[in-house]
N, C-alpha and C. Protein backbone atom coordinates (compact mmCIF):
# COMPACT_ATOMS: atom_id res chain seq x y z
N MET A 1 -4.61 33.75 -45.90
CA MET A 1 -5.20 33.56 -44.51
C MET A 1 -6.00 32.56 -44.39
N THR A 2 -5.80 31.71 -43.73
CA THR A 2 -6.86 30.43 -43.65
C THR A 2 -7.21 30.69 -42.05
N TYR A 3 -8.51 29.54 -41.81
CA TYR A 3 -8.62 29.65 -40.54
C TYR A 3 -9.58 28.06 -40.11
N ARG A 4 -9.24 27.71 -39.17
CA ARG A 4 -10.25 26.34 -38.70
C ARG A 4 -11.29 26.83 -37.97
N TYR A 5 -12.45 25.96 -37.80
CA TYR A 5 -13.09 26.28 -37.05
C TYR A 5 -13.59 25.31 -35.86
N LYS A 6 -12.70 25.71 -34.66
CA LYS A 6 -12.82 24.56 -33.87
C LYS A 6 -13.92 24.89 -32.60
N GLY A 7 -14.61 23.53 -32.46
CA GLY A 7 -16.20 24.08 -31.70
C GLY A 7 -16.86 25.00 -32.48
N SER A 8 -17.51 25.24 -31.27
CA SER A 8 -18.87 26.23 -31.62
C SER A 8 -18.06 27.59 -31.68
N PRO A 9 -18.67 28.68 -32.32
CA PRO A 9 -18.18 30.09 -32.49
C PRO A 9 -18.48 30.61 -31.32
N THR A 10 -17.69 31.72 -31.11
CA THR A 10 -17.87 32.27 -29.64
C THR A 10 -19.09 33.31 -29.96
N ASN A 11 -19.70 34.00 -28.81
CA ASN A 11 -20.67 34.64 -29.04
C ASN A 11 -20.59 36.26 -29.85
N ARG A 12 -19.01 36.51 -29.42
CA ARG A 12 -18.77 37.59 -30.50
C ARG A 12 -18.60 37.41 -31.74
N GLN A 13 -18.03 36.51 -32.18
CA GLN A 13 -17.88 35.66 -33.80
C GLN A 13 -19.48 35.96 -33.76
N LEU A 14 -20.31 35.03 -33.05
CA LEU A 14 -21.76 34.96 -34.07
C LEU A 14 -22.78 36.68 -34.08
N LYS A 15 -22.05 37.06 -33.28
CA LYS A 15 -22.66 39.21 -33.51
C LYS A 15 -22.15 39.54 -34.80
N VAL A 16 -20.65 39.31 -34.91
CA VAL A 16 -20.03 39.94 -35.70
C VAL A 16 -20.53 39.57 -36.76
N SER A 17 -21.14 38.25 -37.46
CA SER A 17 -20.90 37.21 -38.57
C SER A 17 -22.51 38.12 -38.56
N GLU A 18 -23.39 38.34 -37.66
CA GLU A 18 -24.68 38.74 -38.37
C GLU A 18 -24.80 40.08 -38.69
N LEU A 19 -23.97 40.71 -38.09
CA LEU A 19 -23.93 42.10 -38.36
C LEU A 19 -23.46 42.69 -39.60
N ILE A 20 -22.40 41.45 -40.37
CA ILE A 20 -21.42 41.82 -41.72
C ILE A 20 -23.36 41.18 -42.57
N ARG A 21 -23.39 40.35 -42.24
CA ARG A 21 -24.86 39.51 -42.79
C ARG A 21 -25.67 40.26 -42.88
N GLN A 22 -26.27 40.88 -42.39
CA GLN A 22 -27.58 42.00 -42.70
C GLN A 22 -27.03 43.11 -43.12
N GLU A 23 -25.69 43.95 -43.16
CA GLU A 23 -25.31 44.73 -43.27
C GLU A 23 -25.30 44.24 -45.28
N ILE A 24 -24.52 43.22 -45.33
CA ILE A 24 -24.21 42.88 -46.53
C ILE A 24 -25.13 43.24 -47.89
N ALA A 25 -26.08 42.09 -46.74
CA ALA A 25 -27.73 42.17 -47.52
C ALA A 25 -28.37 43.21 -47.88
N MET A 26 -27.94 43.93 -47.07
CA MET A 26 -28.75 45.67 -47.36
C MET A 26 -28.30 46.18 -48.65
N ILE A 27 -26.46 46.43 -48.64
CA ILE A 27 -25.86 46.42 -49.18
C ILE A 27 -26.23 45.51 -51.01
N PHE A 28 -26.35 44.86 -50.92
CA PHE A 28 -26.56 43.96 -52.07
C PHE A 28 -27.92 44.30 -52.55
N ALA A 29 -28.88 44.81 -51.75
CA ALA A 29 -30.63 45.02 -52.22
C ALA A 29 -30.67 46.13 -52.51
N ARG A 30 -29.88 47.63 -52.12
CA ARG A 30 -29.64 48.79 -53.04
C ARG A 30 -29.10 49.06 -53.68
N LYS A 31 -28.50 48.16 -54.18
CA LYS A 31 -26.88 47.76 -55.02
C LYS A 31 -26.24 48.92 -55.20
N GLU A 32 -25.50 49.50 -54.07
CA GLU A 32 -24.59 50.08 -53.32
C GLU A 32 -23.65 50.64 -54.39
N VAL A 33 -22.91 49.59 -54.59
CA VAL A 33 -21.69 48.95 -55.31
C VAL A 33 -21.79 48.61 -56.94
N TYR A 34 -21.69 49.48 -57.89
CA TYR A 34 -22.17 48.93 -58.84
C TYR A 34 -21.15 47.93 -59.86
N HIS A 35 -21.28 47.14 -60.77
CA HIS A 35 -20.97 46.36 -61.35
C HIS A 35 -21.65 45.65 -62.86
N PRO A 36 -21.06 46.28 -63.92
CA PRO A 36 -22.06 45.68 -65.13
C PRO A 36 -22.56 44.14 -64.91
N TYR A 37 -21.87 43.44 -64.51
CA TYR A 37 -22.09 41.56 -64.45
C TYR A 37 -22.97 41.60 -63.02
N LEU A 38 -23.11 42.41 -62.13
CA LEU A 38 -24.16 42.20 -60.82
C LEU A 38 -25.35 43.15 -61.05
N GLU A 39 -25.49 43.71 -61.79
CA GLU A 39 -26.33 44.86 -62.36
C GLU A 39 -27.66 44.09 -62.27
N SER A 40 -27.93 42.93 -62.81
CA SER A 40 -29.17 42.05 -62.97
C SER A 40 -29.51 40.80 -62.19
N LEU A 41 -28.06 40.72 -61.32
CA LEU A 41 -28.49 39.78 -60.89
C LEU A 41 -29.30 40.05 -59.12
N HIS A 42 -29.77 38.96 -58.40
CA HIS A 42 -30.80 38.92 -57.14
C HIS A 42 -29.80 38.21 -56.58
N LEU A 43 -29.42 38.87 -55.74
CA LEU A 43 -28.08 37.60 -54.31
C LEU A 43 -29.15 37.51 -53.29
N THR A 44 -28.58 36.00 -52.80
CA THR A 44 -28.97 35.95 -51.45
C THR A 44 -27.64 35.69 -50.04
N VAL A 45 -27.92 36.37 -49.11
CA VAL A 45 -26.62 36.19 -48.02
C VAL A 45 -27.24 34.83 -47.79
N ILE A 46 -26.97 33.61 -47.24
CA ILE A 46 -26.83 32.19 -46.66
C ILE A 46 -26.40 32.70 -45.29
N GLU A 47 -25.31 32.79 -45.02
CA GLU A 47 -24.58 32.52 -43.97
C GLU A 47 -23.30 33.62 -43.72
N VAL A 48 -22.67 33.83 -42.88
CA VAL A 48 -20.99 34.85 -42.70
C VAL A 48 -20.88 34.18 -41.53
N LYS A 49 -19.01 33.54 -41.81
CA LYS A 49 -18.32 32.30 -40.85
C LYS A 49 -17.65 34.01 -40.70
N THR A 50 -17.18 33.64 -39.35
CA THR A 50 -15.76 35.08 -38.99
C THR A 50 -15.16 34.15 -38.41
N SER A 51 -13.56 34.52 -38.46
CA SER A 51 -12.63 33.73 -38.12
C SER A 51 -12.56 34.14 -35.92
N ALA A 52 -12.01 33.07 -35.81
CA ALA A 52 -11.74 33.79 -34.19
C ALA A 52 -10.99 34.76 -33.89
N ASP A 53 -9.82 35.17 -34.68
CA ASP A 53 -9.47 36.33 -34.29
C ASP A 53 -10.49 37.45 -34.87
N LEU A 54 -11.40 37.78 -35.75
CA LEU A 54 -12.51 38.57 -36.51
C LEU A 54 -11.44 39.23 -37.44
N LYS A 55 -10.52 38.66 -38.20
CA LYS A 55 -9.83 39.29 -38.94
C LYS A 55 -10.51 38.99 -40.70
N LEU A 56 -11.28 37.67 -40.31
CA LEU A 56 -11.21 37.61 -42.01
C LEU A 56 -13.13 36.58 -41.77
N SER A 57 -13.66 37.13 -42.75
CA SER A 57 -14.87 36.90 -42.57
C SER A 57 -15.69 36.25 -44.21
N THR A 58 -15.92 34.80 -43.86
CA THR A 58 -16.54 34.21 -45.26
C THR A 58 -18.26 34.67 -45.42
N ILE A 59 -18.26 34.89 -46.65
CA ILE A 59 -19.76 35.37 -46.84
C ILE A 59 -20.34 34.24 -48.07
N PHE A 60 -21.24 33.63 -47.47
CA PHE A 60 -21.96 32.41 -48.50
C PHE A 60 -22.87 32.99 -49.46
N ILE A 61 -23.09 33.09 -50.58
CA ILE A 61 -24.02 33.77 -50.98
C ILE A 61 -24.93 32.92 -52.00
N TYR A 62 -25.80 33.27 -52.61
CA TYR A 62 -26.39 32.32 -53.57
C TYR A 62 -27.30 32.68 -54.45
N PRO A 63 -27.09 33.02 -56.07
CA PRO A 63 -27.71 34.41 -56.68
C PRO A 63 -29.16 32.95 -57.13
N VAL A 64 -30.05 33.96 -57.10
CA VAL A 64 -31.24 33.76 -57.18
C VAL A 64 -31.62 33.12 -58.92
N ALA A 65 -31.09 33.53 -59.64
CA ALA A 65 -31.53 33.47 -61.14
C ALA A 65 -29.95 32.58 -61.39
N ASN A 66 -29.87 31.57 -62.03
CA ASN A 66 -29.26 30.92 -62.51
C ASN A 66 -28.21 31.76 -63.27
N SER A 67 -26.94 31.63 -62.49
CA SER A 67 -25.77 32.28 -63.17
C SER A 67 -24.44 31.59 -63.43
N LYS A 68 -23.54 32.16 -64.32
CA LYS A 68 -22.19 31.44 -63.82
C LYS A 68 -21.47 31.51 -62.43
N GLU A 69 -21.64 30.93 -61.46
CA GLU A 69 -21.11 30.75 -60.69
C GLU A 69 -19.58 30.97 -59.75
N ASP A 70 -19.04 30.64 -61.13
CA ASP A 70 -17.58 31.24 -60.77
C ASP A 70 -16.90 32.44 -61.34
N GLN A 71 -17.80 32.67 -62.33
CA GLN A 71 -17.49 34.09 -62.61
C GLN A 71 -18.29 35.06 -61.53
N LEU A 72 -19.09 34.90 -61.04
CA LEU A 72 -19.68 35.45 -59.61
C LEU A 72 -18.96 35.74 -58.80
N ALA A 73 -18.44 34.44 -58.17
CA ALA A 73 -17.39 34.91 -57.32
C ALA A 73 -16.58 35.24 -56.99
N LYS A 74 -15.62 35.08 -58.92
CA LYS A 74 -14.44 36.22 -58.80
C LYS A 74 -14.67 37.63 -59.25
N THR A 75 -15.85 38.13 -59.68
CA THR A 75 -16.54 39.42 -59.62
C THR A 75 -16.86 39.94 -57.92
N LEU A 76 -17.44 39.17 -57.62
CA LEU A 76 -17.57 39.51 -55.86
C LEU A 76 -15.86 39.46 -55.67
N ASN A 77 -15.12 38.80 -55.42
CA ASN A 77 -14.01 39.21 -54.12
C ASN A 77 -12.82 40.10 -55.27
N PHE A 78 -13.52 40.44 -56.18
CA PHE A 78 -12.65 41.33 -56.99
C PHE A 78 -13.19 42.73 -56.28
N LEU A 79 -14.47 42.86 -56.00
CA LEU A 79 -15.35 43.92 -55.47
C LEU A 79 -15.00 44.09 -53.87
N ALA A 80 -14.40 42.97 -53.14
CA ALA A 80 -14.47 42.41 -51.99
C ALA A 80 -14.36 44.10 -51.13
N PRO A 81 -13.09 44.20 -51.68
CA PRO A 81 -12.55 45.74 -50.93
C PRO A 81 -13.49 47.13 -50.68
N GLU A 82 -14.08 47.10 -51.76
CA GLU A 82 -15.45 48.22 -51.95
C GLU A 82 -16.55 47.61 -51.07
N TYR A 83 -16.95 46.85 -50.83
CA TYR A 83 -17.93 45.58 -49.66
C TYR A 83 -17.28 46.32 -48.33
N ARG A 84 -16.22 45.86 -48.22
CA ARG A 84 -15.79 46.21 -46.70
C ARG A 84 -15.49 47.39 -46.38
N LYS A 85 -15.17 48.28 -47.60
CA LYS A 85 -15.28 49.63 -47.01
C LYS A 85 -16.48 50.09 -46.89
N ARG A 86 -17.69 49.53 -47.67
CA ARG A 86 -18.97 50.18 -46.91
C ARG A 86 -19.52 49.89 -46.04
N ILE A 87 -18.94 48.29 -45.41
CA ILE A 87 -19.39 47.78 -44.24
C ILE A 87 -18.78 48.47 -43.37
N SER A 88 -17.51 48.97 -43.28
CA SER A 88 -16.93 49.49 -42.30
C SER A 88 -17.53 51.12 -41.92
N SER A 89 -17.89 51.42 -42.72
CA SER A 89 -18.92 52.87 -42.33
C SER A 89 -19.95 52.68 -41.64
N LYS A 90 -20.80 51.60 -42.23
CA LYS A 90 -22.14 51.47 -41.25
C LYS A 90 -22.17 50.60 -39.76
N VAL A 91 -21.04 49.73 -40.03
CA VAL A 91 -20.81 49.27 -38.64
C VAL A 91 -19.51 49.22 -37.97
N ALA A 92 -19.91 49.42 -36.62
CA ALA A 92 -19.21 50.05 -35.28
C ALA A 92 -18.48 48.67 -34.80
N LEU A 93 -17.32 48.61 -35.74
CA LEU A 93 -15.99 47.77 -35.08
C LEU A 93 -14.37 48.01 -34.92
N LYS A 94 -14.01 47.58 -34.24
CA LYS A 94 -12.21 48.25 -33.92
C LYS A 94 -12.24 47.88 -35.29
N PHE A 95 -11.91 46.32 -35.73
CA PHE A 95 -11.45 46.44 -36.97
C PHE A 95 -12.12 45.56 -37.56
N THR A 96 -12.24 46.10 -39.44
CA THR A 96 -13.83 45.25 -40.04
C THR A 96 -12.90 44.02 -41.20
N PRO A 97 -13.74 43.08 -40.86
CA PRO A 97 -12.67 41.61 -41.12
C PRO A 97 -12.48 41.72 -43.08
N GLU A 98 -11.80 40.83 -43.24
CA GLU A 98 -11.25 41.25 -44.47
C GLU A 98 -12.74 40.17 -45.07
N ILE A 99 -13.42 40.37 -46.10
CA ILE A 99 -14.16 39.63 -46.98
C ILE A 99 -14.17 38.60 -48.09
N LYS A 100 -14.41 37.29 -47.88
CA LYS A 100 -14.38 36.65 -49.20
C LYS A 100 -16.06 36.09 -49.24
N PHE A 101 -16.07 36.11 -50.83
CA PHE A 101 -17.09 35.35 -51.00
C PHE A 101 -16.95 34.13 -51.98
N VAL A 102 -18.06 33.34 -51.22
CA VAL A 102 -18.16 32.27 -51.50
C VAL A 102 -20.06 31.42 -52.01
N ILE A 103 -19.65 31.09 -53.16
CA ILE A 103 -21.43 30.80 -53.42
C ILE A 103 -21.39 29.38 -52.80
N ASP A 104 -22.87 29.22 -52.07
CA ASP A 104 -23.10 28.40 -51.36
C ASP A 104 -24.08 27.20 -51.77
N LYS A 105 -23.02 26.20 -51.87
CA LYS A 105 -23.56 24.78 -53.02
C LYS A 105 -24.98 23.84 -52.25
N ASN A 106 -24.92 24.35 -51.10
CA ASN A 106 -25.86 23.44 -50.29
C ASN A 106 -27.08 23.58 -50.53
N VAL A 107 -27.47 24.87 -50.66
CA VAL A 107 -28.60 25.11 -51.54
C VAL A 107 -29.64 24.36 -52.00
N ASP A 108 -28.88 23.82 -53.66
CA ASP A 108 -29.34 22.62 -54.35
C ASP A 108 -29.84 21.38 -53.73
N ASP A 109 -28.74 21.42 -52.85
CA ASP A 109 -28.78 20.10 -52.15
C ASP A 109 -30.34 19.95 -51.40
N ARG A 110 -30.35 20.94 -50.45
CA ARG A 110 -31.39 21.09 -49.59
C ARG A 110 -32.67 20.67 -50.49
N VAL A 111 -32.69 21.39 -51.31
CA VAL A 111 -33.71 21.42 -52.45
C VAL A 111 -34.45 20.73 -52.90
N ASN A 112 -33.19 19.64 -53.44
CA ASN A 112 -32.99 18.21 -53.98
C ASN A 112 -33.52 17.14 -52.54
N ILE A 113 -33.34 17.38 -51.80
CA ILE A 113 -33.48 16.54 -50.22
C ILE A 113 -35.08 16.73 -50.04
N GLU A 114 -35.35 18.09 -50.11
CA GLU A 114 -36.91 18.47 -50.02
C GLU A 114 -37.84 17.50 -50.93
N LYS A 115 -37.50 17.37 -52.44
CA LYS A 115 -38.29 16.62 -52.97
C LYS A 115 -38.44 15.26 -53.21
N VAL A 116 -37.24 14.80 -52.59
CA VAL A 116 -36.84 13.12 -52.32
C VAL A 116 -38.26 13.12 -51.19
N LEU A 117 -38.01 13.73 -50.35
CA LEU A 117 -38.69 13.19 -49.25
C LEU A 117 -40.24 13.95 -49.29
N GLN A 118 -40.51 14.81 -49.79
CA GLN A 118 -42.21 14.83 -50.74
C GLN A 118 -42.56 14.16 -51.48
N ASN A 119 -41.75 13.03 -52.26
CA ASN A 119 -41.96 11.84 -52.56
C ASN A 119 -42.57 10.80 -51.57
N LEU A 120 -41.74 10.84 -50.38
CA LEU A 120 -41.91 9.40 -49.72
C LEU A 120 -43.22 9.47 -48.77
N LEU A 121 -43.56 11.35 -49.16
CA LEU A 121 -44.70 11.07 -48.12
C LEU A 121 -46.03 10.57 -48.56
N PRO A 122 -46.55 9.83 -48.01
CA PRO A 122 -47.89 9.17 -48.06
C PRO A 122 -49.23 10.45 -48.39
N LYS A 123 -49.67 10.44 -49.92
CA LYS A 123 -50.63 10.75 -50.90
C LYS A 123 -52.10 10.84 -50.00
């Protein structure tokens, strides 16, 4: 299932995305879903994008500590049905979207850009 973003998202998409972002962050913080690989990791939920039909949400995450990102994405996507079940029990939606986890690579780029800009500023 793929989707494209045409123009800006609707208010409903934004609302659903924010609800899912808040709830998935709480699930990560409370460590409600157990997996040995995720036990020692701290994850940050950067953004959630929901498709126009509200059937698919892509969750962009970033591990606080360096870890094997491909293994992390595979583990989280393997556990995605369990996360979806937890979200559906706490968020009142007619249909809970399928979720897909993606590692956000832009965070490292942002940090590097900030360092370069700091070096350019006069001291």
